[in-house]
N, C-alpha and C. Protein backbone atom coordinates (compact mmCIF):
# COMPACT_ATOMS: atom_id res chain seq x y z
N MET A 1 -13.70 90.10 285.28
CA MET A 1 -14.75 90.70 284.06
C MET A 1 -13.71 92.24 283.91
N GLY A 2 -13.21 92.28 282.92
CA GLY A 2 -12.83 93.99 283.19
C GLY A 2 -13.88 95.17 282.72
N THR A 3 -13.28 95.95 282.47
CA THR A 3 -14.23 97.28 282.07
C THR A 3 -14.30 97.92 280.79
N SER A 4 -13.91 96.97 280.12
CA SER A 4 -13.74 97.26 278.54
C SER A 4 -15.24 97.80 278.05
N PHE A 5 -16.46 97.11 278.18
CA PHE A 5 -17.29 97.51 277.82
C PHE A 5 -17.66 98.94 278.48
N ILE A 6 -17.47 99.35 279.72
CA ILE A 6 -17.88 100.52 280.01
C ILE A 6 -17.14 101.09 279.98
N THR A 7 -15.91 101.61 279.00
CA THR A 7 -15.14 102.60 278.79
C THR A 7 -16.15 103.56 277.26
N GLY A 8 -17.01 102.79 276.78
CA GLY A 8 -17.88 103.85 275.69
C GLY A 8 -18.70 104.62 276.48
N LEU A 9 -18.89 104.72 277.55
CA LEU A 9 -19.44 106.04 278.29
C LEU A 9 -18.97 107.61 278.16
N LYS A 10 -19.51 108.45 277.84
CA LYS A 10 -18.77 109.70 277.85
C LYS A 10 -18.27 110.11 279.33
N PRO A 11 -17.17 110.85 279.16
CA PRO A 11 -17.02 111.13 280.40
C PRO A 11 -17.91 112.59 281.11
N SER A 12 -18.23 113.23 280.54
CA SER A 12 -19.03 114.28 280.83
C SER A 12 -20.53 114.08 281.11
N GLY A 13 -21.06 115.12 281.59
CA GLY A 13 -22.55 114.65 281.97
C GLY A 13 -23.39 114.67 280.28
N SER A 14 -23.06 115.68 279.89
CA SER A 14 -23.88 115.75 278.50
C SER A 14 -22.91 116.01 277.26
N SER A 15 -23.16 115.76 276.01
CA SER A 15 -22.20 116.11 275.03
C SER A 15 -22.82 116.59 273.64
N ARG A 16 -21.86 117.16 272.85
CA ARG A 16 -22.56 117.58 271.55
C ARG A 16 -23.31 116.86 270.74
N ARG A 17 -23.96 116.99 270.04
CA ARG A 17 -24.28 115.58 269.46
C ARG A 17 -24.53 116.01 267.78
N HIS A 18 -23.99 115.17 266.91
CA HIS A 18 -23.85 115.56 265.55
C HIS A 18 -25.21 115.11 264.51
N GLY A 19 -26.03 116.38 264.74
CA GLY A 19 -27.48 116.03 264.45
C GLY A 19 -28.55 116.32 265.38
N ALA A 20 -30.02 115.85 264.65
CA ALA A 20 -31.26 116.39 265.50
C ALA A 20 -31.10 115.24 266.50
N GLY A 21 -31.93 115.66 267.55
CA GLY A 21 -32.33 115.07 268.96
C GLY A 21 -31.45 115.86 270.07
N ARG A 22 -31.83 115.08 271.24
CA ARG A 22 -31.40 115.97 272.15
C ARG A 22 -29.60 115.28 272.74
N PRO A 23 -29.08 116.16 273.75
CA PRO A 23 -27.90 115.85 273.96
C PRO A 23 -27.79 114.40 274.90
N ARG A 24 -27.03 113.65 274.80
CA ARG A 24 -26.58 112.02 275.33
C ARG A 24 -26.50 112.76 276.38
N GLN A 25 -26.85 111.57 277.77
CA GLN A 25 -26.73 111.84 278.62
C GLN A 25 -26.03 110.68 279.94
N LYS A 26 -25.62 110.70 280.99
CA LYS A 26 -24.85 109.82 281.23
C LYS A 26 -25.57 109.34 282.56
N PRO A 27 -26.10 107.77 282.64
CA PRO A 27 -26.69 107.42 283.73
C PRO A 27 -26.25 108.13 285.05
N CYS A 28 -27.60 108.26 286.07
CA CYS A 28 -26.66 108.00 287.46
C CYS A 28 -25.91 107.27 288.48
N ARG A 29 -26.83 105.95 287.90
CA ARG A 29 -26.66 104.82 288.60
C ARG A 29 -26.95 103.62 287.60
N LEU A 30 -26.18 102.70 287.58
CA LEU A 30 -26.32 101.52 287.05
C LEU A 30 -26.63 100.62 287.63
N ILE A 31 -27.84 99.46 287.78
CA ILE A 31 -28.59 98.77 288.28
C ILE A 31 -27.92 96.99 287.60
N ALA A 32 -27.42 96.12 288.34
CA ALA A 32 -26.83 95.32 287.48
C ALA A 32 -27.33 93.47 288.15
N ASP A 33 -26.70 92.60 288.35
CA ASP A 33 -26.77 91.23 289.07
C ASP A 33 -25.38 91.07 289.74
N ARG A 34 -25.43 90.17 290.03
CA ARG A 34 -24.28 89.34 290.85
C ARG A 34 -22.71 89.82 289.82
N GLY A 35 -23.03 89.40 288.38
CA GLY A 35 -22.00 89.17 287.73
C GLY A 35 -20.93 90.48 287.60
N TYR A 36 -21.46 91.41 287.70
CA TYR A 36 -20.69 92.83 287.78
C TYR A 36 -20.30 93.24 288.78
N ASP A 37 -20.14 92.08 289.93
CA ASP A 37 -19.57 92.84 291.62
C ASP A 37 -18.34 92.70 291.32
N SER A 38 -17.75 93.82 291.01
CA SER A 38 -16.16 93.54 290.61
C SER A 38 -15.43 95.52 291.46
N ASP A 39 -14.58 95.48 292.19
CA ASP A 39 -14.16 96.42 292.70
C ASP A 39 -13.75 97.57 291.63
N PRO A 40 -12.59 97.17 290.43
CA PRO A 40 -12.26 97.76 289.97
C PRO A 40 -13.55 98.63 288.82
N LEU A 41 -14.61 98.02 288.99
CA LEU A 41 -15.55 98.16 288.00
C LEU A 41 -16.26 99.36 288.69
N ARG A 42 -16.22 99.12 290.13
CA ARG A 42 -16.90 99.98 291.09
C ARG A 42 -16.02 101.48 290.98
N GLU A 43 -14.62 101.24 290.72
CA GLU A 43 -13.84 102.21 291.29
C GLU A 43 -14.10 103.03 289.65
N HIS A 44 -13.79 102.53 288.11
CA HIS A 44 -14.02 103.24 287.29
C HIS A 44 -15.00 103.88 286.78
N LEU A 45 -16.06 103.23 287.67
CA LEU A 45 -17.89 103.88 287.27
C LEU A 45 -17.92 105.10 288.57
N ALA A 46 -17.48 105.22 289.62
CA ALA A 46 -17.44 106.14 290.58
C ALA A 46 -16.63 107.37 290.15
N ALA A 47 -15.49 107.22 289.08
CA ALA A 47 -14.91 107.96 288.91
C ALA A 47 -15.62 108.77 287.74
N ARG A 48 -16.42 108.07 287.25
CA ARG A 48 -17.10 108.93 286.24
C ARG A 48 -18.42 109.53 286.50
N GLY A 49 -18.78 109.30 288.62
CA GLY A 49 -19.94 109.84 288.91
C GLY A 49 -21.18 108.83 288.80
N ILE A 50 -20.96 107.61 288.30
CA ILE A 50 -21.99 106.62 288.34
C ILE A 50 -21.88 105.50 289.13
N GLU A 51 -23.18 105.33 290.05
CA GLU A 51 -23.44 104.57 290.90
C GLU A 51 -23.39 103.02 290.68
N LEU A 52 -22.64 102.01 291.21
CA LEU A 52 -23.21 100.83 290.74
C LEU A 52 -23.75 99.95 291.75
N ILE A 53 -24.50 99.71 291.15
CA ILE A 53 -25.95 99.27 292.43
C ILE A 53 -26.24 97.42 291.82
N ALA A 54 -24.98 96.85 292.47
CA ALA A 54 -25.25 95.05 292.36
C ALA A 54 -25.19 94.48 293.54
N PRO A 55 -25.53 93.66 293.91
CA PRO A 55 -25.39 92.67 295.00
C PRO A 55 -23.83 92.26 294.89
N HIS A 56 -23.45 92.15 296.13
CA HIS A 56 -22.38 91.38 296.26
C HIS A 56 -22.27 90.01 296.04
N ARG A 57 -21.06 89.28 295.38
CA ARG A 57 -21.03 87.64 295.32
C ARG A 57 -20.98 87.67 296.53
N LYS A 58 -21.24 85.99 296.65
CA LYS A 58 -21.23 85.36 297.64
C LYS A 58 -19.71 85.01 298.57
N ASN A 59 -18.90 85.04 297.24
CA ASN A 59 -17.46 84.91 297.44
C ASN A 59 -16.40 85.42 297.85
N ARG A 60 -17.36 86.74 297.81
CA ARG A 60 -16.35 88.14 298.28
C ARG A 60 -15.76 87.98 299.81
N ARG A 61 -14.33 88.14 299.41
CA ARG A 61 -13.11 88.43 300.36
C ARG A 61 -13.05 89.69 301.36
N LYS A 62 -13.36 90.68 299.92
CA LYS A 62 -13.30 91.97 300.74
C LYS A 62 -14.75 92.41 301.35
N PRO A 63 -14.50 93.36 302.41
CA PRO A 63 -15.91 93.81 303.34
C PRO A 63 -16.44 94.39 302.25
N PRO A 64 -17.87 94.46 302.79
CA PRO A 64 -18.58 95.14 301.88
C PRO A 64 -18.74 96.84 301.47
N THR A 65 -19.19 97.02 300.49
CA THR A 65 -18.89 98.18 299.83
C THR A 65 -20.18 99.40 300.45
N GLN A 66 -21.60 98.54 299.88
CA GLN A 66 -22.39 99.65 300.40
C GLN A 66 -23.47 98.52 301.52
N ASP A 67 -24.97 99.50 301.62
CA ASP A 67 -25.30 99.13 302.56
C ASP A 67 -26.71 98.52 301.87
N GLY A 68 -27.56 97.96 302.50
CA GLY A 68 -29.09 97.24 302.12
C GLY A 68 -29.92 98.38 301.43
N ARG A 69 -29.18 100.01 301.54
CA ARG A 69 -30.49 100.97 300.92
C ARG A 69 -30.43 100.86 299.61
N ALA A 70 -28.84 100.74 299.25
CA ALA A 70 -29.16 100.66 297.53
C ALA A 70 -29.62 99.57 297.11
N LEU A 71 -29.50 98.34 297.75
CA LEU A 71 -29.85 97.57 296.99
C LEU A 71 -31.56 97.04 296.87
N ARG A 72 -32.33 98.13 297.03
CA ARG A 72 -33.49 98.38 297.24
C ARG A 72 -34.02 98.69 295.75
N ARG A 73 -33.10 99.61 295.35
CA ARG A 73 -33.16 99.57 293.97
C ARG A 73 -33.13 98.36 293.04
N TYR A 74 -32.23 97.44 293.27
CA TYR A 74 -32.36 96.23 292.94
C TYR A 74 -33.21 95.49 292.85
N LYS A 75 -34.12 95.63 293.90
CA LYS A 75 -35.27 94.53 294.08
C LYS A 75 -36.15 95.01 293.00
N ARG A 76 -36.40 96.21 292.57
CA ARG A 76 -37.49 96.82 291.33
C ARG A 76 -36.96 96.60 290.41
N ARG A 77 -35.74 95.80 289.84
CA ARG A 77 -35.05 95.65 288.64
C ARG A 77 -35.64 94.43 288.43
N TRP A 78 -36.22 93.61 289.43
CA TRP A 78 -37.03 92.24 289.02
C TRP A 78 -38.18 92.46 288.27
N ILE A 79 -38.75 93.53 288.44
CA ILE A 79 -40.37 93.94 287.79
C ILE A 79 -39.99 94.09 286.14
N VAL A 80 -38.87 94.38 285.65
CA VAL A 80 -38.53 94.71 284.31
C VAL A 80 -38.46 93.50 283.67
N GLU A 81 -37.50 93.04 284.54
CA GLU A 81 -37.15 91.37 283.93
C GLU A 81 -38.25 90.53 283.87
N ARG A 82 -39.08 90.43 284.79
CA ARG A 82 -40.32 89.75 284.48
C ARG A 82 -40.97 90.35 283.36
N THR A 83 -41.27 91.84 283.12
CA THR A 83 -41.86 91.54 282.09
C THR A 83 -41.43 91.70 280.63
N PHE A 84 -40.06 91.48 280.89
CA PHE A 84 -39.52 91.32 279.32
C PHE A 84 -39.70 89.35 279.27
N ALA A 85 -39.47 88.83 280.10
CA ALA A 85 -39.90 87.30 280.23
C ALA A 85 -41.37 86.99 279.72
N TRP A 86 -42.45 88.12 279.98
CA TRP A 86 -43.75 87.59 279.85
C TRP A 86 -43.81 88.31 278.26
N LEU A 87 -43.17 89.05 277.99
CA LEU A 87 -43.38 89.26 276.38
C LEU A 87 -42.48 88.84 275.48
N GLY A 88 -41.64 87.84 275.91
CA GLY A 88 -40.99 86.87 275.34
C GLY A 88 -41.51 85.62 274.98
N ASN A 89 -42.52 85.72 275.39
CA ASN A 89 -43.83 84.91 275.42
C ASN A 89 -44.72 84.94 273.73
N PHE A 90 -44.65 85.96 273.46
CA PHE A 90 -44.91 86.37 271.98
C PHE A 90 -44.18 86.26 270.99
N ARG A 91 -44.20 85.30 270.36
CA ARG A 91 -43.33 84.83 269.36
C ARG A 91 -43.42 86.11 268.07
N ARG A 92 -44.38 86.70 268.27
CA ARG A 92 -44.71 87.96 267.04
C ARG A 92 -43.57 89.15 266.98
N LEU A 93 -43.50 89.09 268.61
CA LEU A 93 -42.72 90.27 269.54
C LEU A 93 -41.22 90.10 269.24
N VAL A 94 -41.12 88.80 269.48
CA VAL A 94 -39.32 88.51 269.53
C VAL A 94 -39.03 88.33 268.37
N VAL A 95 -39.49 87.59 266.98
CA VAL A 95 -38.88 87.62 265.86
C VAL A 95 -39.13 88.80 265.46
N ARG A 96 -40.20 89.73 265.36
CA ARG A 96 -40.31 90.73 264.82
C ARG A 96 -40.71 90.37 263.13
N TYR A 97 -41.79 89.95 262.87
CA TYR A 97 -42.10 89.46 261.66
C TYR A 97 -42.86 90.46 260.96
N ASP A 98 -43.12 91.68 261.53
CA ASP A 98 -43.81 93.01 261.22
C ASP A 98 -42.94 93.60 260.72
N CYS A 99 -43.21 94.36 259.10
CA CYS A 99 -42.01 95.31 258.68
C CYS A 99 -42.63 96.76 259.09
N SER A 100 -43.81 97.00 259.49
CA SER A 100 -44.19 98.25 259.83
C SER A 100 -44.17 98.72 261.05
N LEU A 101 -43.98 99.69 261.82
CA LEU A 101 -43.64 99.80 263.22
C LEU A 101 -44.86 100.09 263.86
N THR A 102 -46.10 100.52 262.89
CA THR A 102 -47.33 101.18 263.45
C THR A 102 -47.81 99.56 263.91
N VAL A 103 -47.69 98.53 262.81
CA VAL A 103 -48.03 97.67 263.32
C VAL A 103 -47.08 96.69 264.34
N TYR A 104 -46.35 96.74 264.71
CA TYR A 104 -45.57 96.21 265.39
C TYR A 104 -45.93 96.58 267.14
N GLN A 105 -46.01 97.84 267.20
CA GLN A 105 -46.48 98.56 268.18
C GLN A 105 -47.76 98.20 268.51
N GLY A 106 -48.71 98.06 267.55
CA GLY A 106 -50.17 97.11 268.00
C GLY A 106 -49.78 96.23 268.50
N SER A 107 -49.20 95.12 268.28
CA SER A 107 -48.92 93.97 268.47
C SER A 107 -48.50 94.29 269.87
N PHE A 108 -47.48 94.87 270.37
CA PHE A 108 -46.94 95.28 271.38
C PHE A 108 -47.95 95.53 272.53
N HIS A 109 -48.74 96.36 272.21
CA HIS A 109 -50.10 96.83 273.15
C HIS A 109 -50.70 95.76 273.14
N ILE A 110 -51.14 95.08 272.22
CA ILE A 110 -52.09 94.01 272.54
C ILE A 110 -51.63 92.56 273.22
N ALA A 111 -50.24 92.61 273.13
CA ALA A 111 -49.31 91.97 273.96
C ALA A 111 -49.48 91.96 275.50
N CYS A 112 -49.21 93.49 275.54
CA CYS A 112 -49.33 93.63 276.82
C CYS A 112 -50.65 93.81 277.66
N PHE A 113 -51.86 93.98 277.02
CA PHE A 113 -53.20 93.83 277.19
C PHE A 113 -53.43 92.26 277.86
N MET A 114 -53.08 91.78 276.92
CA MET A 114 -53.35 90.05 277.54
C MET A 114 -52.60 90.03 278.70
N ILE A 115 -51.37 90.52 278.78
CA ILE A 115 -50.64 90.03 280.16
C ILE A 115 -51.42 90.60 281.02
N VAL A 116 -51.78 91.93 281.11
CA VAL A 116 -52.59 92.31 282.19
C VAL A 116 -53.99 91.51 282.36
N LEU A 117 -54.52 91.26 281.24
CA LEU A 117 -55.94 90.44 281.57
C LEU A 117 -55.87 88.80 282.31
N TRP A 118 -54.54 88.34 281.89
CA TRP A 118 -54.10 87.04 282.27
C TRP A 118 -53.85 87.45 283.67
N ARG A 119 -52.88 88.40 284.31
CA ARG A 119 -52.66 88.49 285.86
C ARG A 119 -54.18 89.26 286.60
N VAL A 120 -55.23 89.68 285.99
CA VAL A 120 -56.21 89.86 286.49
C VAL A 120 -56.87 88.85 286.64
N LEU A 121 -57.19 87.90 285.73
CA LEU A 121 -58.07 86.99 285.56
C LEU A 121 -57.81 85.75 286.71
N LYS A 122 -56.95 85.92 287.31
CA LYS A 122 -55.72 84.70 287.99
C LYS A 122 -56.09 84.97 289.34
């Protein structure tokens, strides 16, 4: 896997923005799955000051580059992925039939309420 998709990141902490809004910022760390475990990618991100948190592949031949402390953050990534999967059960949100942003936000809040209700009633 190459690092071509990462090259769009800005080299400095923030950059000037052409228009309204706050300046763009680069992330402190990138949390990814095993597919992104690559030494060239780790080196490329480290040169930009970004920490790659990804578990090592099972067939890795080189020694590990990280200990278990950084992978604790990876465990919390599952919570976000699970929430996206639950929201994927609501077709109205996935397909986005609503043209109005307020109606879409209302549907999103109702879906979140229903997910919490299902979790509480289990």
